[in-house]
Amino acid sequence: MNETTIKVEGMSCGGCVKNVTGVLKALPGVEDVRVSLEGASATVRHDPAKVSIDALRAAVEGAGFDSPA
């Protein structure tokens, strides 16, 4: 398992945190997700053979938030 932290821009409340957490946890290979509103980031424990960092960013962007590299 790898632990990757990605930037998440555009979150403004606890509902945003819950939304980002949900879309990331739904991905195959994701074991744990910790989203920080204050830090504008998500730390994801995942299996790199099942889910790529690009896929994590795409899920965040699909939920309506920005995830710059």
C-alpha atoms as a PDB file:
ATOM      1  CA  MET A   1       0.000   0.000   0.000  1.00  0.00           C
ATOM      2  CA  ASN A   2       1.121   3.535  -0.791  1.00  0.00           C
ATOM      3  CA  GLU A   3       0.101   6.725   0.954  1.00  0.00           C
ATOM      4  CA  THR A   4      -0.368   9.675  -1.384  1.00  0.00           C
ATOM      5  CA  THR A   5      -1.380  13.240  -0.570  1.00  0.00           C
ATOM      6  CA  ILE A   6      -3.076  15.239  -3.307  1.00  0.00           C
ATOM      7  CA  LYS A   7      -4.203  18.851  -3.339  1.00  0.00           C
ATOM      8  CA  VAL A   8      -7.947  19.492  -3.311  1.00  0.00           C
ATOM      9  CA  GLU A   9      -9.001  23.040  -4.103  1.00  0.00           C
ATOM     10  CA  GLY A  10     -12.508  24.454  -3.853  1.00  0.00           C
ATOM     11  CA  MET A  11     -13.668  22.847  -0.602  1.00  0.00           C
ATOM     12  CA  SER A  12     -15.502  25.242   1.716  1.00  0.00           C
ATOM     13  CA  CYS A  13     -17.324  23.115   4.298  1.00  0.00           C
ATOM     14  CA  GLY A  14     -17.706  19.758   5.979  1.00  0.00           C
ATOM     15  CA  GLY A  15     -20.066  18.632   3.221  1.00  0.00           C
ATOM     16  CA  CYS A  16     -17.260  19.122   0.707  1.00  0.00           C
ATOM     17  CA  VAL A  17     -14.950  16.997   2.862  1.00  0.00           C
ATOM     18  CA  LYS A  18     -17.592  14.260   3.053  1.00  0.00           C
ATOM     19  CA  ASN A  19     -18.123  14.382  -0.723  1.00  0.00           C
ATOM     20  CA  VAL A  20     -14.396  14.111  -1.534  1.00  0.00           C
ATOM     21  CA  THR A  21     -13.964  11.340   1.044  1.00  0.00           C
ATOM     22  CA  GLY A  22     -16.845   9.381  -0.490  1.00  0.00           C
ATOM     23  CA  VAL A  23     -15.679   9.570  -4.104  1.00  0.00           C
ATOM     24  CA  LEU A  24     -12.147   8.534  -3.161  1.00  0.00           C
ATOM     25  CA  LYS A  25     -13.241   5.645  -0.908  1.00  0.00           C
ATOM     26  CA  ALA A  26     -15.430   4.332  -3.750  1.00  0.00           C
ATOM     27  CA  LEU A  27     -12.400   3.695  -5.962  1.00  0.00           C
ATOM     28  CA  PRO A  28     -11.090   0.115  -6.136  1.00  0.00           C
ATOM     29  CA  GLY A  29      -7.816  -0.269  -4.280  1.00  0.00           C
ATOM     30  CA  VAL A  30      -8.428   2.596  -1.841  1.00  0.00           C
ATOM     31  CA  GLU A  31      -8.072   1.472   1.768  1.00  0.00           C
ATOM     32  CA  ASP A  32      -8.304   4.741   3.732  1.00  0.00           C
ATOM     33  CA  VAL A  33      -8.930   8.438   3.067  1.00  0.00           C
ATOM     34  CA  ARG A  34      -8.256  11.476   5.263  1.00  0.00           C
ATOM     35  CA  VAL A  35      -9.422  14.810   3.848  1.00  0.00           C
ATOM     36  CA  SER A  36      -8.322  18.106   5.396  1.00  0.00           C
ATOM     37  CA  LEU A  37     -10.433  21.194   4.766  1.00  0.00           C
ATOM     38  CA  GLU A  38      -7.813  23.441   6.358  1.00  0.00           C
ATOM     39  CA  GLY A  39      -4.951  21.819   4.464  1.00  0.00           C
ATOM     40  CA  ALA A  40      -6.897  21.656   1.189  1.00  0.00           C
ATOM     41  CA  SER A  41      -5.688  18.094   0.690  1.00  0.00           C
ATOM     42  CA  ALA A  42      -6.582  14.421   0.755  1.00  0.00           C
ATOM     43  CA  THR A  43      -4.261  11.714   2.009  1.00  0.00           C
ATOM     44  CA  VAL A  44      -5.128   8.374   0.449  1.00  0.00           C
ATOM     45  CA  ARG A  45      -3.820   4.928   1.385  1.00  0.00           C
ATOM     46  CA  HIS A  46      -4.145   2.854  -1.787  1.00  0.00           C
ATOM     47  CA  ASP A  47      -2.866  -0.059  -3.817  1.00  0.00           C
ATOM     48  CA  PRO A  48      -0.965   1.484  -6.771  1.00  0.00           C
ATOM     49  CA  ALA A  49      -1.603  -1.667  -8.824  1.00  0.00           C
ATOM     50  CA  LYS A  50      -5.364  -0.989  -8.641  1.00  0.00           C
ATOM     51  CA  VAL A  51      -5.657   2.804  -8.661  1.00  0.00           C
ATOM     52  CA  SER A  52      -3.302   5.473  -9.998  1.00  0.00           C
ATOM     53  CA  ILE A  53      -2.686   8.957  -8.671  1.00  0.00           C
ATOM     54  CA  ASP A  54      -4.241  10.273 -11.891  1.00  0.00           C
ATOM     55  CA  ALA A  55      -7.388   8.277 -11.114  1.00  0.00           C
ATOM     56  CA  LEU A  56      -7.495   9.789  -7.612  1.00  0.00           C
ATOM     57  CA  ARG A  57      -7.242  13.295  -9.093  1.00  0.00           C
ATOM     58  CA  ALA A  58      -9.866  12.475 -11.726  1.00  0.00           C
ATOM     59  CA  ALA A  59     -12.309  11.336  -9.023  1.00  0.00           C
ATOM     60  CA  VAL A  60     -11.799  14.589  -7.106  1.00  0.00           C
ATOM     61  CA  GLU A  61     -12.291  16.624 -10.276  1.00  0.00           C
ATOM     62  CA  GLY A  62     -15.368  14.573 -11.178  1.00  0.00           C
ATOM     63  CA  ALA A  63     -16.861  15.591  -7.829  1.00  0.00           C
ATOM     64  CA  GLY A  64     -16.477  19.250  -8.802  1.00  0.00           C
ATOM     65  CA  PHE A  65     -13.211  20.166  -7.118  1.00  0.00           C
ATOM     66  CA  ASP A  66      -9.782  21.021  -8.498  1.00  0.00           C
ATOM     67  CA  SER A  67      -6.794  18.734  -7.934  1.00  0.00           C
ATOM     68  CA  PRO A  68      -3.696  20.390  -9.414  1.00  0.00           C
ATOM     69  CA  ALA A  69      -0.515  18.353  -9.742  1.00  0.00           C
END
